[in-house]
C-alpha atoms as a PDB file:
ATOM      1  CA  MET A   1     156.824 143.712  20.989  1.00  0.00           C
ATOM      2  CA  THR A   2     158.365 141.079  23.264  1.00  0.00           C
ATOM      3  CA  GLN A   3     157.147 137.534  22.587  1.00  0.00           C
ATOM      4  CA  GLU A   4     155.795 136.309  25.933  1.00  0.00           C
ATOM      5  CA  LEU A   5     156.789 132.644  26.026  1.00  0.00           C
ATOM      6  CA  PHE A   6     155.527 132.180  29.594  1.00  0.00           C
ATOM      7  CA  ARG A   7     151.908 132.744  28.551  1.00  0.00           C
ATOM      8  CA  GLN A   8     151.527 129.276  27.031  1.00  0.00           C
ATOM      9  CA  ASP A   9     154.274 127.396  28.901  1.00  0.00           C
ATOM     10  CA  ALA A  10     154.856 128.466  32.499  1.00  0.00           C
ATOM     11  CA  TYR A  11     157.348 125.590  32.896  1.00  0.00           C
ATOM     12  CA  LEU A  12     159.779 126.937  30.299  1.00  0.00           C
ATOM     13  CA  ARG A  13     162.823 127.854  32.376  1.00  0.00           C
ATOM     14  CA  GLU A  14     165.080 129.367  29.719  1.00  0.00           C
ATOM     15  CA  SER A  15     165.143 130.406  26.104  1.00  0.00           C
ATOM     16  CA  PRO A  16     167.558 131.901  23.590  1.00  0.00           C
ATOM     17  CA  ALA A  17     166.748 135.523  22.820  1.00  0.00           C
ATOM     18  CA  THR A  18     168.094 138.580  21.046  1.00  0.00           C
ATOM     19  CA  VAL A  19     168.683 141.969  22.665  1.00  0.00           C
ATOM     20  CA  VAL A  20     166.382 144.607  21.167  1.00  0.00           C
ATOM     21  CA  GLY A  21     167.450 147.529  23.311  1.00  0.00           C
ATOM     22  CA  VAL A  22     169.084 148.653  26.543  1.00  0.00           C
ATOM     23  CA  ASP A  23     167.972 151.807  28.374  1.00  0.00           C
ATOM     24  CA  THR A  24     167.159 153.150  31.820  1.00  0.00           C
ATOM     25  CA  GLN A  25     164.142 150.848  32.104  1.00  0.00           C
ATOM     26  CA  GLY A  26     166.232 147.726  31.555  1.00  0.00           C
ATOM     27  CA  ILE A  27     167.096 145.197  28.860  1.00  0.00           C
ATOM     28  CA  VAL A  28     164.472 144.489  26.211  1.00  0.00           C
ATOM     29  CA  LEU A  29     164.566 141.122  24.408  1.00  0.00           C
ATOM     30  CA  ASP A  30     162.678 139.915  21.359  1.00  0.00           C
ATOM     31  CA  ARG A  31     161.310 136.989  23.415  1.00  0.00           C
ATOM     32  CA  THR A  32     161.405 136.019  27.068  1.00  0.00           C
ATOM     33  CA  VAL A  33     160.450 133.454  29.693  1.00  0.00           C
ATOM     34  CA  PHE A  34     160.443 136.204  32.370  1.00  0.00           C
ATOM     35  CA  TYR A  35     157.002 137.192  33.692  1.00  0.00           C
ATOM     36  CA  PRO A  36     156.656 140.964  34.233  1.00  0.00           C
ATOM     37  CA  LEU A  37     155.029 142.433  37.333  1.00  0.00           C
ATOM     38  CA  GLY A  38     151.287 142.559  36.762  1.00  0.00           C
ATOM     39  CA  GLY A  39     147.903 141.295  37.875  1.00  0.00           C
ATOM     40  CA  GLY A  40     149.169 141.214  41.443  1.00  0.00           C
ATOM     41  CA  GLN A  41     151.980 138.748  40.638  1.00  0.00           C
ATOM     42  CA  ALA A  42     155.601 139.736  41.247  1.00  0.00           C
ATOM     43  CA  GLY A  43     157.995 139.970  38.309  1.00  0.00           C
ATOM     44  CA  ASP A  44     160.518 137.188  37.731  1.00  0.00           C
ATOM     45  CA  THR A  45     164.189 137.269  38.625  1.00  0.00           C
ATOM     46  CA  GLY A  46     167.032 135.261  37.082  1.00  0.00           C
ATOM     47  CA  VAL A  47     169.964 135.755  34.744  1.00  0.00           C
ATOM     48  CA  LEU A  48     170.810 136.604  31.172  1.00  0.00           C
ATOM     49  CA  VAL A  49     173.622 134.386  29.946  1.00  0.00           C
ATOM     50  CA  LEU A  50     175.858 136.388  27.610  1.00  0.00           C
ATOM     51  CA  ALA A  51     177.719 134.955  24.627  1.00  0.00           C
ATOM     52  CA  ASP A  52     180.915 134.419  26.661  1.00  0.00           C
ATOM     53  CA  GLY A  53     179.051 132.678  29.486  1.00  0.00           C
ATOM     54  CA  SER A  54     178.923 135.699  31.799  1.00  0.00           C
ATOM     55  CA  LEU A  55     175.797 135.913  33.944  1.00  0.00           C
ATOM     56  CA  LEU A  56     173.972 139.234  34.126  1.00  0.00           C
ATOM     57  CA  GLN A  57     171.703 139.168  37.177  1.00  0.00           C
ATOM     58  CA  VAL A  58     168.090 140.253  36.628  1.00  0.00           C
ATOM     59  CA  ALA A  59     166.512 141.650  39.808  1.00  0.00           C
ATOM     60  CA  ASP A  60     163.015 142.320  38.461  1.00  0.00           C
ATOM     61  CA  THR A  61     160.904 142.239  35.318  1.00  0.00           C
ATOM     62  CA  ARG A  62     158.507 145.015  34.303  1.00  0.00           C
ATOM     63  CA  LYS A  63     156.407 146.136  31.388  1.00  0.00           C
ATOM     64  CA  CYS A  64     158.132 148.980  29.548  1.00  0.00           C
ATOM     65  CA  LYS A  65     156.405 152.355  29.646  1.00  0.00           C
ATOM     66  CA  ASP A  66     156.161 155.038  27.004  1.00  0.00           C
ATOM     67  CA  ALA A  67     156.953 158.721  27.512  1.00  0.00           C
ATOM     68  CA  GLU A  68     153.533 159.262  29.070  1.00  0.00           C
ATOM     69  CA  GLY A  69     153.898 156.379  31.518  1.00  0.00           C
ATOM     70  CA  ARG A  70     151.606 153.949  29.713  1.00  0.00           C
ATOM     71  CA  PRO A  71     152.630 150.266  29.477  1.00  0.00           C
ATOM     72  CA  THR A  72     153.856 149.070  26.098  1.00  0.00           C
ATOM     73  CA  ALA A  73     154.140 145.633  24.467  1.00  0.00           C
ATOM     74  CA  GLN A  74     157.816 145.368  25.427  1.00  0.00           C
ATOM     75  CA  ILE A  75     159.225 143.812  28.599  1.00  0.00           C
ATOM     76  CA  ALA A  76     162.196 145.233  30.518  1.00  0.00           C
ATOM     77  CA  HIS A  77     164.573 142.942  32.413  1.00  0.00           C
ATOM     78  CA  VAL A  78     165.819 145.116  35.264  1.00  0.00           C
ATOM     79  CA  PRO A  79     169.507 144.468  36.076  1.00  0.00           C
ATOM     80  CA  ALA A  80     170.549 144.013  39.692  1.00  0.00           C
ATOM     81  CA  PRO A  81     172.899 146.586  41.262  1.00  0.00           C
ATOM     82  CA  GLY A  82     176.542 146.045  40.361  1.00  0.00           C
ATOM     83  CA  GLN A  83     175.876 144.831  36.812  1.00  0.00           C
ATOM     84  CA  GLU A  84     177.081 148.012  35.114  1.00  0.00           C
ATOM     85  CA  ALA A  85     180.152 146.461  33.451  1.00  0.00           C
ATOM     86  CA  LEU A  86     178.163 143.632  31.874  1.00  0.00           C
ATOM     87  CA  LEU A  87     175.325 145.981  30.984  1.00  0.00           C
ATOM     88  CA  ALA A  88     177.723 148.260  29.095  1.00  0.00           C
ATOM     89  CA  ARG A  89     178.727 145.346  26.861  1.00  0.00           C
ATOM     90  CA  LEU A  90     175.192 144.615  25.659  1.00  0.00           C
ATOM     91  CA  CYS A  91     174.128 145.921  22.267  1.00  0.00           C
ATOM     92  CA  PRO A  92     171.029 145.425  20.104  1.00  0.00           C
ATOM     93  CA  GLY A  93     171.418 142.212  18.134  1.00  0.00           C
ATOM     94  CA  ASP A  94     173.417 140.396  20.810  1.00  0.00           C
ATOM     95  CA  ALA A  95     172.385 136.802  21.480  1.00  0.00           C
ATOM     96  CA  VAL A  96     171.670 135.818  25.090  1.00  0.00           C
ATOM     97  CA  VAL A  97     169.917 133.051  26.992  1.00  0.00           C
ATOM     98  CA  ALA A  98     167.140 134.235  29.321  1.00  0.00           C
ATOM     99  CA  ARG A  99     166.972 131.966  32.396  1.00  0.00           C
ATOM    100  CA  ILE A 100     164.515 132.463  35.251  1.00  0.00           C
ATOM    101  CA  ALA A 101     165.096 131.669  38.925  1.00  0.00           C
ATOM    102  CA  TRP A 102     162.952 128.554  38.752  1.00  0.00           C
ATOM    103  CA  ASP A 103     162.388 127.770  42.438  1.00  0.00           C
ATOM    104  CA  ARG A 104     161.125 131.317  42.993  1.00  0.00           C
ATOM    105  CA  ARG A 105     158.863 131.168  39.923  1.00  0.00           C
ATOM    106  CA  HIS A 106     157.420 127.816  40.984  1.00  0.00           C
ATOM    107  CA  ARG A 107     156.449 129.259  44.364  1.00  0.00           C
ATOM    108  CA  LEU A 108     154.653 132.083  42.542  1.00  0.00           C
ATOM    109  CA  MET A 109     152.848 129.557  40.329  1.00  0.00           C
ATOM    110  CA  ARG A 110     151.717 127.540  43.335  1.00  0.00           C
ATOM    111  CA  PHE A 111     150.467 130.617  45.189  1.00  0.00           C
ATOM    112  CA  HIS A 112     148.748 132.094  42.135  1.00  0.00           C
ATOM    113  CA  THR A 113     146.839 128.882  41.470  1.00  0.00           C
ATOM    114  CA  THR A 114     145.821 128.773  45.132  1.00  0.00           C
ATOM    115  CA  THR A 115     144.305 132.254  44.876  1.00  0.00           C
ATOM    116  CA  HIS A 116     142.026 130.854  42.155  1.00  0.00           C
ATOM    117  CA  LEU A 117     140.973 128.094  44.543  1.00  0.00           C
ATOM    118  CA  LEU A 118     140.145 130.798  47.080  1.00  0.00           C
ATOM    119  CA  CYS A 119     137.890 132.462  44.501  1.00  0.00           C
ATOM    120  CA  HIS A 120     135.938 129.206  44.414  1.00  0.00           C
ATOM    121  CA  LEU A 121     135.767 128.890  48.197  1.00  0.00           C
ATOM    122  CA  VAL A 122     134.862 132.569  48.695  1.00  0.00           C
ATOM    123  CA  PRO A 123     132.535 133.489  45.799  1.00  0.00           C
ATOM    124  CA  GLN A 124     132.882 137.242  46.194  1.00  0.00           C
ATOM    125  CA  LEU A 125     134.489 139.935  44.062  1.00  0.00           C
ATOM    126  CA  VAL A 126     138.187 140.598  44.662  1.00  0.00           C
ATOM    127  CA  ASN A 127     139.326 144.180  45.260  1.00  0.00           C
ATOM    128  CA  GLY A 128     143.027 143.570  45.874  1.00  0.00           C
ATOM    129  CA  CYS A 129     145.685 140.941  45.245  1.00  0.00           C
ATOM    130  CA  SER A 130     149.386 140.375  45.885  1.00  0.00           C
ATOM    131  CA  ILE A 131     151.372 137.267  44.953  1.00  0.00           C
ATOM    132  CA  THR A 132     154.976 137.033  46.116  1.00  0.00           C
ATOM    133  CA  PRO A 133     157.357 134.089  46.638  1.00  0.00           C
ATOM    134  CA  GLU A 134     156.802 134.318  50.415  1.00  0.00           C
ATOM    135  CA  TYR A 135     153.046 134.820  50.678  1.00  0.00           C
ATOM    136  CA  ALA A 136     149.919 135.671  48.730  1.00  0.00           C
ATOM    137  CA  ARG A 137     146.828 137.613  49.695  1.00  0.00           C
ATOM    138  CA  LEU A 138     143.374 138.286  48.302  1.00  0.00           C
ATOM    139  CA  ASP A 139     141.091 141.067  49.458  1.00  0.00           C
ATOM    140  CA  PHE A 140     137.422 140.159  49.102  1.00  0.00           C
ATOM    141  CA  ASN A 141     134.616 142.701  48.817  1.00  0.00           C
ATOM    142  CA  MET A 142     132.401 141.367  51.617  1.00  0.00           C
ATOM    143  CA  THR A 143     131.201 141.995  55.166  1.00  0.00           C
ATOM    144  CA  ASP A 144     130.643 138.454  56.464  1.00  0.00           C
ATOM    145  CA  PRO A 145     133.382 136.871  58.607  1.00  0.00           C
ATOM    146  CA  LEU A 146     135.598 134.105  57.226  1.00  0.00           C
ATOM    147  CA  ASP A 147     136.899 131.026  59.012  1.00  0.00           C
ATOM    148  CA  LYS A 148     140.650 130.443  58.659  1.00  0.00           C
ATOM    149  CA  ASP A 149     140.546 126.727  59.451  1.00  0.00           C
ATOM    150  CA  ALA A 150     137.595 126.072  57.131  1.00  0.00           C
ATOM    151  CA  LEU A 151     139.353 127.801  54.236  1.00  0.00           C
ATOM    152  CA  THR A 152     142.583 125.905  54.896  1.00  0.00           C
ATOM    153  CA  GLU A 153     140.670 122.625  54.845  1.00  0.00           C
ATOM    154  CA  GLY A 154     138.888 123.672  51.644  1.00  0.00           C
ATOM    155  CA  ILE A 155     142.202 124.400  49.957  1.00  0.00           C
ATOM    156  CA  ARG A 156     143.634 121.097  51.160  1.00  0.00           C
ATOM    157  CA  ALA A 157     140.711 119.169  49.672  1.00  0.00           C
ATOM    158  CA  LEU A 158     140.955 120.943  46.298  1.00  0.00           C
ATOM    159  CA  VAL A 159     144.712 120.335  46.168  1.00  0.00           C
ATOM    160  CA  ALA A 160     144.240 116.658  47.012  1.00  0.00           C
ATOM    161  CA  ALA A 161     141.569 116.294  44.324  1.00  0.00           C
ATOM    162  CA  GLY A 162     144.169 116.913  41.623  1.00  0.00           C
ATOM    163  CA  HIS A 163     142.152 119.233  39.381  1.00  0.00           C
ATOM    164  CA  GLY A 164     143.766 120.014  36.028  1.00  0.00           C
ATOM    165  CA  VAL A 165     144.623 123.639  35.202  1.00  0.00           C
ATOM    166  CA  GLU A 166     144.087 124.653  31.572  1.00  0.00           C
ATOM    167  CA  VAL A 167     145.215 127.779  29.715  1.00  0.00           C
ATOM    168  CA  GLY A 168     142.731 128.981  27.106  1.00  0.00           C
ATOM    169  CA  SER A 169     141.272 132.140  25.635  1.00  0.00           C
ATOM    170  CA  ILE A 170     137.985 133.757  24.712  1.00  0.00           C
ATOM    171  CA  SER A 171     137.117 136.586  22.370  1.00  0.00           C
ATOM    172  CA  ASP A 172     136.595 140.129  23.598  1.00  0.00           C
ATOM    173  CA  GLY A 173     132.967 139.753  22.541  1.00  0.00           C
ATOM    174  CA  ASP A 174     132.485 136.586  24.591  1.00  0.00           C
ATOM    175  CA  LEU A 175     133.940 138.321  27.631  1.00  0.00           C
ATOM    176  CA  ASP A 176     131.661 141.322  27.122  1.00  0.00           C
ATOM    177  CA  ALA A 177     128.712 138.922  26.983  1.00  0.00           C
ATOM    178  CA  ASN A 178     129.827 137.240  30.230  1.00  0.00           C
ATOM    179  CA  PRO A 179     131.042 140.046  32.514  1.00  0.00           C
ATOM    180  CA  ALA A 180     130.672 137.812  35.597  1.00  0.00           C
ATOM    181  CA  LEU A 181     133.811 135.935  34.477  1.00  0.00           C
ATOM    182  CA  VAL A 182     135.850 138.919  35.691  1.00  0.00           C
ATOM    183  CA  LYS A 183     136.210 138.465  39.450  1.00  0.00           C
ATOM    184  CA  SER A 184     138.588 141.349  40.115  1.00  0.00           C
ATOM    185  CA  MET A 185     137.306 144.848  40.799  1.00  0.00           C
ATOM    186  CA  SER A 186     140.785 146.390  40.621  1.00  0.00           C
ATOM    187  CA  VAL A 187     142.477 144.649  37.661  1.00  0.00           C
ATOM    188  CA  GLN A 188     140.837 144.314  34.256  1.00  0.00           C
ATOM    189  CA  PRO A 189     141.922 141.648  31.733  1.00  0.00           C
ATOM    190  CA  PRO A 190     144.366 142.969  29.112  1.00  0.00           C
ATOM    191  CA  ARG A 191     142.769 143.605  25.739  1.00  0.00           C
ATOM    192  CA  GLY A 192     143.981 144.690  22.345  1.00  0.00           C
ATOM    193  CA  THR A 193     144.514 141.428  20.450  1.00  0.00           C
ATOM    194  CA  GLY A 194     140.863 140.421  20.208  1.00  0.00           C
ATOM    195  CA  ARG A 195     141.438 137.452  22.540  1.00  0.00           C
ATOM    196  CA  VAL A 196     141.623 137.324  26.332  1.00  0.00           C
ATOM    197  CA  ARG A 197     143.679 134.652  28.086  1.00  0.00           C
ATOM    198  CA  THR A 198     141.765 132.453  30.548  1.00  0.00           C
ATOM    199  CA  ILE A 199     142.534 129.914  33.262  1.00  0.00           C
ATOM    200  CA  ARG A 200     140.179 127.001  33.913  1.00  0.00           C
ATOM    201  CA  ILE A 201     140.574 124.743  36.954  1.00  0.00           C
ATOM    202  CA  GLY A 202     138.654 121.503  36.567  1.00  0.00           C
ATOM    203  CA  ALA A 203     137.022 119.981  33.522  1.00  0.00           C
ATOM    204  CA  GLY A 204     134.528 121.656  31.209  1.00  0.00           C
ATOM    205  CA  ASP A 205     131.227 122.770  32.678  1.00  0.00           C
ATOM    206  CA  THR A 206     132.195 121.329  36.064  1.00  0.00           C
ATOM    207  CA  ALA A 207     135.193 123.642  36.418  1.00  0.00           C
ATOM    208  CA  ILE A 208     135.625 124.956  39.945  1.00  0.00           C
ATOM    209  CA  ASP A 209     137.128 128.216  38.661  1.00  0.00           C
ATOM    210  CA  TYR A 210     137.161 129.882  35.254  1.00  0.00           C
ATOM    211  CA  GLN A 211     138.283 133.463  34.755  1.00  0.00           C
ATOM    212  CA  PRO A 212     140.506 135.737  32.664  1.00  0.00           C
ATOM    213  CA  CYS A 213     144.077 135.721  33.984  1.00  0.00           C
ATOM    214  CA  GLY A 214     147.505 136.494  32.578  1.00  0.00           C
ATOM    215  CA  GLY A 215     149.573 134.939  35.383  1.00  0.00           C
ATOM    216  CA  THR A 216     151.591 131.740  35.641  1.00  0.00           C
ATOM    217  CA  HIS A 217     150.058 128.592  37.137  1.00  0.00           C
ATOM    218  CA  VAL A 218     150.829 124.968  37.913  1.00  0.00           C
ATOM    219  CA  ALA A 219     149.330 122.311  35.611  1.00  0.00           C
ATOM    220  CA  ASN A 220     147.444 120.472  38.354  1.00  0.00           C
ATOM    221  CA  THR A 221     146.257 121.514  41.804  1.00  0.00           C
ATOM    222  CA  SER A 222     148.107 118.556  43.355  1.00  0.00           C
ATOM    223  CA  GLU A 223     151.347 120.405  42.546  1.00  0.00           C
ATOM    224  CA  ILE A 224     150.439 123.232  44.932  1.00  0.00           C
ATOM    225  CA  GLY A 225     151.389 121.223  48.002  1.00  0.00           C
ATOM    226  CA  ALA A 226     150.739 122.411  51.543  1.00  0.00           C
ATOM    227  CA  VAL A 227     149.384 125.962  51.419  1.00  0.00           C
ATOM    228  CA  VAL A 228     147.446 127.271  54.410  1.00  0.00           C
ATOM    229  CA  VAL A 229     145.558 130.407  55.407  1.00  0.00           C
ATOM    230  CA  THR A 230     147.890 132.134  57.854  1.00  0.00           C
ATOM    231  CA  ARG A 231     145.508 134.920  58.853  1.00  0.00           C
ATOM    232  CA  ILE A 232     142.291 136.733  58.007  1.00  0.00           C
ATOM    233  CA  GLU A 233     142.064 140.495  58.461  1.00  0.00           C
ATOM    234  CA  LYS A 234     139.215 143.000  58.430  1.00  0.00           C
ATOM    235  CA  LYS A 235     140.764 145.717  56.287  1.00  0.00           C
ATOM    236  CA  SER A 236     137.638 147.874  56.141  1.00  0.00           C
ATOM    237  CA  ALA A 237     133.904 147.618  56.692  1.00  0.00           C
ATOM    238  CA  THR A 238     133.564 145.951  53.293  1.00  0.00           C
ATOM    239  CA  THR A 239     136.924 144.176  52.855  1.00  0.00           C
ATOM    240  CA  ARG A 240     138.158 140.864  54.245  1.00  0.00           C
ATOM    241  CA  ARG A 241     141.800 139.963  53.541  1.00  0.00           C
ATOM    242  CA  VAL A 242     142.903 136.325  53.294  1.00  0.00           C
ATOM    243  CA  VAL A 243     146.662 135.726  53.564  1.00  0.00           C
ATOM    244  CA  LEU A 244     148.242 132.489  52.345  1.00  0.00           C
ATOM    245  CA  GLY A 245     151.551 130.877  53.260  1.00  0.00           C
ATOM    246  CA  PHE A 246     153.372 127.584  52.814  1.00  0.00           C
ATOM    247  CA  ALA A 247     152.899 125.147  55.675  1.00  0.00           C
END
């Protein structure tokens, strides 16, 4: 399996790694700082620095799939077009440095944390999510209208309050005993290790949001900066979409 360094330290921008394999899915490393597409969050881009200093451009990051199309515990770094010559030089056992495109990742972290603030402001189940460097959106399972300006002001206040963001975990059993912690109708928390990763915004029992999440986040809401609700859409009779952008 690929050691997922980003799970505990979203601020880690690069790390030495060893090539495990190269195939049509991409380049598999023994460890990586690259977040793979999942949970609505886009996969990271960046470079792999080869032993001679050459930079192999990574255009996307995905979970590897087995022959039946099921995700595995390995992560594929998808090379950008035009990287064939460098790709042909890579062999299992080669040492590289995995380096993410930090500015892009930080935008994803800021947006992803803001979507958790939205879950506090709109206490409804989520039935769709997309987090990109340019915008983020949440689809809420609800029929009542939402006010764009009120949500923007709510986000602004939570950002200004400087709430801490803490990575933790709970057991599968604890999650089963507290199913309301799962706020997404479309994405279930990954299981298999006996522990489920969580994100808590705010302190202890007064946390403003606490839910299972595998994505990358800022350490404090004050780091989000100026994020606003750009539009609200009625996607169906029971779905209201909230779209976020940077001011």
